[in-house]
Amino acid sequence: MNGTKLPNSLTDILLGVVRERPAMYLGEAKISNLSNFIIGYMIGWYAAKDSDENQDEYFSDNGFLEWFYINQNRKLDSSWQTPFLEKAKDDETKALVIFFEYLEKYKNEKLS
């Protein structure tokens, strides 16, 4: 290897390669395409791991989505993309950019 550190969490992957080249990983740079990517990652992660050690807390009680909804003083609902789309005035590409901005803020506050 060339010394490049591989991402070890969903958050790192999203803020790294997916943020840099969203269309390559999502098909199109749209927030609506992000769910399938995240679900696929989580399925693969659980299939490859023998324990919960080093599990990305993205969906857990202390994870990004809960942090975001608390930060925005909103109730968590089944359509997690809605607040990002509202902020972006239903522009899916802009909503994806906003999502990454909040995810980076979460990482800086909670994971650093």
Protein backbone atom coordinates (compact mmCIF):
# COMPACT_ATOMS: atom_id res chain seq x y z
CA MET A 1 0.00 0.00 0.00
CA ASN A 2 1.02 3.59 -0.46
CA GLY A 3 0.49 4.59 3.19
CA THR A 4 -3.07 5.78 2.66
CA LYS A 5 -5.22 5.06 5.70
CA LEU A 6 -8.35 3.12 4.79
CA PRO A 7 -11.62 4.40 6.26
CA ASN A 8 -12.86 2.23 9.11
CA SER A 9 -16.40 3.50 9.58
CA LEU A 10 -19.44 4.46 7.58
CA THR A 11 -18.96 8.07 8.65
CA ASP A 12 -15.38 8.07 7.33
CA ILE A 13 -16.46 6.50 4.04
CA LEU A 14 -19.31 8.99 3.56
CA LEU A 15 -17.12 11.99 4.37
CA GLY A 16 -14.27 10.62 2.28
CA VAL A 17 -14.77 8.88 -1.02
CA VAL A 18 -18.56 9.30 -1.26
CA ARG A 19 -18.41 13.03 -0.59
CA GLU A 20 -15.58 13.47 -3.07
CA ARG A 21 -17.29 11.51 -5.86
CA PRO A 22 -20.97 11.02 -4.97
CA ALA A 23 -22.16 10.11 -8.46
CA MET A 24 -19.60 7.31 -8.65
CA TYR A 25 -20.86 5.70 -5.43
CA LEU A 26 -24.54 6.65 -5.56
CA GLY A 27 -25.28 6.57 -9.30
CA GLU A 28 -26.35 10.22 -9.11
CA ALA A 29 -25.44 12.91 -6.59
CA LYS A 30 -28.84 12.83 -4.90
CA ILE A 31 -29.77 12.36 -1.27
CA SER A 32 -32.46 9.87 -2.27
CA ASN A 33 -29.73 7.53 -3.56
CA LEU A 34 -27.85 7.63 -0.27
CA SER A 35 -30.18 5.25 1.62
CA ASN A 36 -29.37 2.24 -0.56
CA PHE A 37 -25.64 2.89 -0.22
CA ILE A 38 -25.91 3.09 3.58
CA ILE A 39 -28.09 -0.02 3.83
CA GLY A 40 -25.70 -1.96 1.58
CA TYR A 41 -22.75 -0.88 3.71
CA MET A 42 -24.49 -1.92 6.92
CA ILE A 43 -25.47 -5.32 5.53
CA GLY A 44 -21.92 -5.93 4.37
CA TRP A 45 -20.48 -4.74 7.68
CA TYR A 46 -22.69 -7.04 9.74
CA ALA A 47 -21.95 -9.97 7.43
CA ALA A 48 -18.19 -9.45 7.77
CA LYS A 49 -17.99 -8.85 11.53
CA ASP A 50 -18.07 -11.38 14.35
CA SER A 51 -18.87 -8.81 17.04
CA ASP A 52 -20.13 -5.27 17.58
CA GLU A 53 -16.61 -4.07 18.31
CA ASN A 54 -15.77 -0.85 16.45
CA GLN A 55 -19.30 -0.65 15.07
CA ASP A 56 -20.12 2.67 13.46
CA GLU A 57 -22.84 4.26 15.56
CA TYR A 58 -24.48 5.94 12.60
CA PHE A 59 -27.93 4.47 13.29
CA SER A 60 -27.61 3.81 17.03
CA ASP A 61 -29.21 5.80 19.83
CA ASN A 62 -26.11 7.97 19.99
CA GLY A 63 -25.49 8.10 16.26
CA PHE A 64 -25.63 10.77 13.61
CA LEU A 65 -29.34 10.71 12.86
CA GLU A 66 -30.34 11.09 16.51
CA TRP A 67 -27.75 13.84 16.96
CA PHE A 68 -29.06 15.66 13.88
CA TYR A 69 -32.71 15.52 14.95
CA ILE A 70 -31.85 16.71 18.47
CA ASN A 71 -29.64 19.45 17.01
CA GLN A 72 -32.53 20.58 14.78
CA ASN A 73 -35.12 20.23 17.56
CA ARG A 74 -37.14 17.79 15.47
CA LYS A 75 -38.75 14.45 16.12
CA LEU A 76 -37.10 11.49 14.41
CA ASP A 77 -39.32 10.16 11.66
CA SER A 78 -39.08 7.42 9.07
CA SER A 79 -38.02 9.72 6.25
CA TRP A 80 -34.65 10.92 7.49
CA GLN A 81 -33.96 12.79 4.22
CA THR A 82 -36.89 15.20 4.70
CA PRO A 83 -35.12 17.85 6.82
CA PHE A 84 -32.20 17.97 4.39
CA LEU A 85 -34.57 18.33 1.44
CA GLU A 86 -36.47 21.08 3.27
CA LYS A 87 -33.24 23.00 3.89
CA ALA A 88 -32.31 22.57 0.21
CA LYS A 89 -35.79 23.55 -1.04
CA ASP A 90 -36.24 20.05 -2.54
CA ASP A 91 -32.97 20.18 -4.51
CA GLU A 92 -31.63 16.64 -4.03
CA THR A 93 -28.04 17.49 -4.93
CA LYS A 94 -27.95 20.44 -2.55
CA ALA A 95 -29.61 18.30 0.14
CA LEU A 96 -26.76 15.80 -0.20
CA VAL A 97 -24.22 18.61 0.29
CA ILE A 98 -26.10 19.77 3.39
CA PHE A 99 -26.16 16.18 4.69
CA PHE A 100 -22.36 15.98 4.37
CA GLU A 101 -21.94 19.33 6.14
CA TYR A 102 -23.97 18.12 9.13
CA LEU A 103 -22.23 14.74 9.15
CA GLU A 104 -18.87 16.51 9.30
CA LYS A 105 -20.10 18.70 12.16
CA TYR A 106 -21.32 15.56 13.98
CA LYS A 107 -17.96 13.87 13.50
CA ASN A 108 -16.10 16.93 14.77
CA GLU A 109 -18.33 17.22 17.84
CA LYS A 110 -18.94 13.60 18.77
CA LEU A 111 -16.20 11.45 17.34
CA SER A 112 -13.08 13.57 17.63
